[in-house]
Structures are given as C-alpha cells and as structure tokens.
Protein backbone atom coordinates (compact mmCIF):
# COMPACT_ATOMS: atom_id res chain seq x y z
CA MET A 1 -13.15 25.90 2.34
CA ILE A 2 -11.05 23.76 -0.04
CA LEU A 3 -11.23 20.05 0.80
CA THR A 4 -9.68 18.26 -2.17
CA PHE A 5 -6.63 18.60 -4.44
CA GLN A 6 -6.81 16.56 -7.67
CA MET A 7 -4.39 16.07 -10.54
CA TYR A 8 -5.19 13.64 -13.36
CA TYR A 9 -3.20 12.48 -16.43
CA ASN A 10 -0.49 15.11 -16.07
CA ASP A 11 2.81 14.11 -17.71
CA VAL A 12 4.58 17.44 -17.15
CA VAL A 13 4.82 17.86 -13.36
CA GLU A 14 7.50 15.46 -12.12
CA GLU A 15 7.86 16.58 -8.53
CA MET A 16 5.72 17.87 -5.69
CA SER A 17 8.32 20.31 -4.49
CA GLU A 18 8.40 22.56 -1.45
CA GLY A 19 5.77 25.27 -1.62
CA MET A 20 3.93 23.74 -4.55
CA LEU A 21 0.62 23.86 -2.67
CA GLY A 22 1.44 26.94 -0.65
CA ASP A 23 0.02 26.96 2.86
CA ILE A 24 -3.34 25.50 1.82
CA SER A 25 -4.48 22.44 3.73
CA PHE A 26 -6.54 19.61 2.24
CA GLU A 27 -8.51 16.62 3.44
CA TYR A 28 -8.07 14.59 0.26
CA ILE A 29 -5.23 14.53 -2.28
CA PHE A 30 -5.63 12.51 -5.49
CA LEU A 31 -2.82 12.18 -8.06
CA THR A 32 -3.81 9.77 -10.83
CA ASP A 33 -1.63 8.67 -13.77
CA CYS A 34 0.78 11.55 -13.36
CA ALA A 35 4.53 11.82 -13.94
CA ILE A 36 5.30 12.72 -10.33
CA GLY A 37 8.37 10.83 -9.15
CA SER A 38 8.87 12.37 -5.72
CA ILE A 39 6.79 14.05 -3.05
CA HIS A 40 8.50 16.35 -0.56
CA SER A 41 7.09 16.17 2.94
CA SER A 42 7.11 19.98 3.19
CA THR A 43 4.53 20.08 0.39
CA LEU A 44 2.05 18.16 2.52
CA LEU A 45 2.81 19.50 5.98
CA PRO A 46 0.22 22.32 5.85
CA SER A 47 -2.34 19.48 5.74
CA SER A 48 -0.82 17.58 8.65
CA GLU A 49 -3.90 17.97 10.86
CA ARG A 50 -6.58 17.69 8.15
CA LEU A 51 -5.39 15.20 5.56
CA LEU A 52 -7.54 12.05 5.60
CA SER A 53 -6.55 10.28 2.40
CA LEU A 54 -3.53 10.46 0.08
CA SER A 55 -3.73 8.60 -3.23
CA VAL A 56 -0.98 8.47 -5.86
CA ASP A 57 -2.36 5.94 -8.33
CA GLY A 58 -0.92 4.90 -11.69
CA LEU A 59 -3.83 2.66 -12.65
CA LEU A 60 -3.91 3.05 -16.44
CA ASN A 61 -0.45 4.27 -17.45
CA GLY A 62 1.72 3.34 -14.49
CA GLY A 63 2.94 5.86 -11.93
CA LYS A 64 6.52 7.14 -11.72
CA LEU A 65 6.61 7.63 -7.95
CA THR A 66 9.89 6.45 -6.39
CA GLU A 67 10.27 8.79 -3.41
CA PHE A 68 7.55 9.00 -0.79
CA PRO A 69 7.70 10.91 2.55
CA TRP A 70 7.40 7.86 4.82
CA ASP A 71 9.36 9.54 7.62
CA ALA A 72 6.81 12.36 7.87
CA LEU A 73 3.65 10.25 8.13
CA HIS A 74 3.65 10.32 11.93
CA GLN A 75 2.91 14.05 11.71
CA PHE A 76 -0.37 13.47 9.87
CA THR A 77 -2.65 12.81 12.79
CA SER A 78 -5.88 12.22 10.80
CA LEU A 79 -4.47 10.30 7.84
CA TYR A 80 -6.26 6.95 7.59
CA ASN A 81 -5.65 5.95 3.94
CA VAL A 82 -2.48 5.84 1.82
CA ASN A 83 -2.78 4.41 -1.69
CA ILE A 84 0.35 4.30 -3.87
CA GLN A 85 -0.50 1.33 -6.09
CA PHE A 86 0.91 0.92 -9.64
CA ASN A 87 4.05 2.97 -9.01
CA SER A 88 7.81 2.41 -8.90
CA ILE A 89 8.37 2.03 -5.16
CA THR A 90 11.07 -0.60 -4.56
CA THR A 91 11.57 -0.55 -0.79
CA LEU A 92 9.51 -0.07 2.36
CA PRO A 93 11.15 1.69 5.29
CA GLN A 94 9.83 1.48 8.81
CA PHE A 95 7.65 4.40 9.80
CA GLU A 96 5.20 5.39 12.51
CA SER A 97 1.53 6.23 12.17
CA SER A 98 -1.08 6.14 14.89
CA SER A 99 -3.95 6.97 12.50
CA LEU A 100 -3.29 4.93 9.35
CA MET A 101 -5.93 2.26 8.74
CA HIS A 102 -5.44 1.26 5.09
CA LEU A 103 -2.12 0.99 3.24
CA ASN A 104 -2.17 -0.07 -0.43
CA ILE A 105 1.18 -0.53 -2.18
CA SER A 106 -0.01 -3.06 -4.76
CA ASN A 107 0.79 -3.70 -8.36
CA LEU A 108 -2.68 -5.03 -9.13
CA ILE A 109 -2.32 -5.52 -12.88
CA ARG A 110 -2.04 -9.31 -12.90
CA ALA A 111 -4.34 -9.78 -9.93
CA ALA A 112 -7.03 -7.84 -11.78
CA PHE A 113 -7.00 -10.37 -14.57
CA ILE A 114 -7.14 -13.32 -12.21
CA ALA A 115 -9.82 -12.23 -9.91
CA LEU A 116 -12.12 -10.22 -9.44
CA SER A 117 -15.20 -8.18 -9.84
CA ARG A 118 -17.24 -7.22 -12.87
CA GLU A 119 -15.93 -3.66 -12.69
CA TRP A 120 -12.59 -4.96 -13.96
CA ALA A 121 -14.17 -6.48 -17.08
CA ASP A 122 -14.26 -3.09 -18.75
CA ALA A 123 -11.29 -1.56 -16.96
CA LYS A 124 -8.85 -4.26 -18.03
CA LYS A 125 -9.43 -3.41 -21.68
CA HIS A 126 -7.54 -0.18 -21.05
CA ILE A 127 -4.73 -1.71 -18.98
CA SER A 128 -1.52 -2.83 -20.63
CA ALA A 129 -0.38 -6.38 -20.00
CA LYS A 130 2.59 -5.36 -17.86
CA SER A 131 3.16 -7.58 -14.86
CA ARG A 132 5.23 -6.96 -11.78
CA GLY A 133 6.75 -3.84 -13.32
CA TRP A 134 5.40 -1.48 -10.67
CA ASN A 135 6.21 -1.43 -6.95
CA PRO A 136 8.58 -4.42 -7.21
CA ILE A 137 8.91 -4.67 -3.43
CA THR A 138 10.83 -7.76 -2.38
CA ASP A 139 10.86 -7.38 1.37
CA ILE A 140 8.91 -6.00 4.33
CA PRO A 141 11.13 -4.71 7.14
CA ALA A 142 10.96 -6.65 10.39
CA GLY A 143 8.45 -4.94 12.67
CA PHE A 144 7.09 -2.84 9.79
CA PHE A 145 3.55 -2.92 11.19
CA ARG A 146 4.51 -2.63 14.84
CA ASP A 147 4.11 1.16 15.13
CA MET A 148 0.83 1.42 13.22
CA GLY A 149 -1.65 1.22 16.04
CA ASN A 150 -4.82 1.47 13.91
CA LEU A 151 -3.86 -0.36 10.72
CA GLU A 152 -6.78 -2.55 9.63
CA ARG A 153 -5.90 -3.36 6.02
CA PHE A 154 -2.66 -3.90 4.11
CA ASP A 155 -2.67 -4.57 0.34
CA CYS A 156 0.45 -5.67 -1.50
CA TYR A 157 -0.81 -7.58 -4.52
CA ASP A 158 1.51 -8.71 -7.29
CA CYS A 159 4.74 -7.18 -6.04
CA ALA A 160 7.78 -9.41 -5.47
CA LEU A 161 7.49 -10.50 -1.85
CA GLY A 162 8.99 -13.84 -0.91
CA PRO A 163 9.98 -16.58 -1.05
CA THR A 164 9.30 -16.63 2.72
CA LEU A 165 7.90 -14.22 5.27
CA SER A 166 9.03 -14.41 8.86
CA THR A 167 6.97 -13.77 11.96
CA LYS A 168 8.81 -10.47 12.46
CA TYR A 169 7.35 -9.12 9.20
CA LEU A 170 3.78 -9.84 10.22
CA GLU A 171 3.63 -8.39 13.72
CA PHE A 172 0.46 -6.29 13.63
CA HIS A 173 0.29 -4.05 16.69
CA SER A 174 -3.40 -3.52 15.98
CA LEU A 175 -4.37 -6.98 14.70
CA GLN A 176 -8.12 -7.34 15.20
CA PRO A 177 -10.64 -10.00 14.10
CA ASP A 178 -11.63 -7.81 11.12
CA THR A 179 -8.11 -7.02 9.86
CA GLY A 180 -7.50 -7.66 6.14
CA LEU A 181 -4.09 -8.72 4.77
CA SER A 182 -3.81 -9.13 0.98
CA ILE A 183 -0.46 -10.35 -0.35
CA SER A 184 -1.52 -12.59 -3.22
CA THR A 185 0.33 -13.22 -6.51
CA ASN A 186 3.76 -12.53 -5.04
CA GLU A 187 6.83 -14.79 -4.89
CA ILE A 188 5.88 -16.41 -1.58
CA ARG A 189 6.61 -20.12 -1.73
CA GLU A 190 6.74 -21.17 1.92
CA LEU A 191 3.94 -20.70 4.43
CA THR A 192 5.01 -21.59 7.98
CA GLU A 193 2.60 -22.32 10.78
CA VAL A 194 4.52 -20.18 13.24
CA SER A 195 4.10 -17.16 10.93
CA PHE A 196 0.41 -17.39 10.17
CA CYS A 197 -1.39 -19.54 12.73
CA PRO A 198 -1.33 -16.89 15.51
CA MET A 199 -2.90 -14.42 13.06
CA LEU A 200 -5.53 -16.90 11.93
CA GLU A 201 -6.55 -17.54 15.52
CA VAL A 202 -7.39 -13.86 15.90
CA LEU A 203 -9.00 -13.44 12.46
CA SER A 204 -11.22 -16.49 12.97
CA LEU A 205 -13.07 -14.52 15.63
CA GLY A 206 -14.37 -12.03 13.09
CA THR A 207 -14.51 -11.30 9.36
CA GLY A 208 -10.79 -10.72 8.86
CA SER A 209 -8.87 -12.45 6.08
CA ILE A 210 -5.46 -13.22 4.61
CA ASN A 211 -5.39 -13.39 0.80
CA LEU A 212 -2.49 -15.59 -0.34
CA ASN A 213 -3.43 -16.70 -3.85
CA GLY A 214 -0.41 -18.22 -5.57
CA GLU A 215 1.85 -21.24 -5.49
CA ILE A 216 2.45 -21.84 -1.79
CA PHE A 217 3.12 -24.94 0.27
CA LEU A 218 2.71 -25.36 4.01
CA ASP A 219 5.86 -26.15 5.95
CA HIS A 220 4.93 -27.69 9.29
CA ASN A 221 8.47 -27.84 10.59
CA ALA A 222 9.97 -24.53 9.50
CA PRO A 223 10.99 -22.14 12.30
C-alpha cells in the first residue's frame, strides 16, 4: 500500500493537473522546492478520505504556488496538517474544515534569522536573504477560523498582516487552552484589548500562546 507521494527540487512540473496522480490515494504528500504554481482539487480527491498531511514547502529556493484548492478542503475528512510556507500565496479565502489542526502559511525567512533554534544555524547558510517576498498576505478574512472546528495551531510568520487585526479575524471556533497562534514579524502596529484579551483568558488556562514579535503598541481605547 502506497502511503506517501514526494517530489523534491523539481523545476519542470509547474502544475498538479487533473489525473496527474491517477486514482491512487495517499496519506502524506510532500512537494519541496518545486516549480508547481497551482494544484487542482481533482488531483487530490482520490485521497479525500486518507490524506493526513499536505506540504508544499519552498524552504530553500522559494515556492511558486499561487493557486491552492481551498474550496475542496472540506472534503478531506482526515486532513490535519496543511503547510504552504515560503510560497506566493497572496490572499486567504474562507473555507471549511472539520479536521484541520495545523495551518502554516508563513514566510519564515526573516523570522528564522531572528529567533530560533540551533537547527537554523546551519540551515540559514543556504537560505537567501529575501524577506517578505513569499506569501505576502495582507489580510485574514473576517470569520476565517470560524468553520475550522479542530484548528489548534495557525502560523503566519513574516507575511504582511496589519496594521490592525479586528476581533472578527481572530474568532477561533475551537479555541482551547493549548491553541498556538504565531503571527510575528508582520505589519501589525496596533494591539487592542478587545481583540486579544478574550483569547488570553482562555490560553492562560493551559500552555497556549500568541507569538507577536514586532513593533506593536497596546491601544486601551480602540474598539
């Protein structure tokens, strides 16, 4: 039984078109540093009941992905992880997913230099000094998280979010004390109590966190 489909460092295939994978179903799909710019939902549908994790990662060379099958995610009943960091996604539509637990849409290049763990010490030697060139997402749709009943972690490092985030953006249907929200090194300049305090009250009961590294000031009076 085939469990995993992997494609690494391929600069020829530019599209995951209909029928590309035939009727084979997978549990894991990894596309790393490839030239793929679009993924057709029909390519993935044979895996709708099995797929656990989908990763399209442009870590070293930058991914070309601009079109992602958001509207089909509700059909993937076991999918818990979607990682599309270091790509060219510019907008986030609303979509439904009852199984998704971890969504990573980050451009982590600059955050990697600021932060983090020793693993990056060697990795960053191979990463170009591009900043905010990938996934330049400026906005999160109101109620974006509302229909994701199991979402536990959302990563959007070093995109272009801001300068403010309203309460409507941050409505987690599944907010639990261990939820992780990472939106550091964006363009957020105003942090309102009404947006974040209700979340902090829940997160303070467990090990959850909100990562907001960057130049932010607290506005006590903002609506």
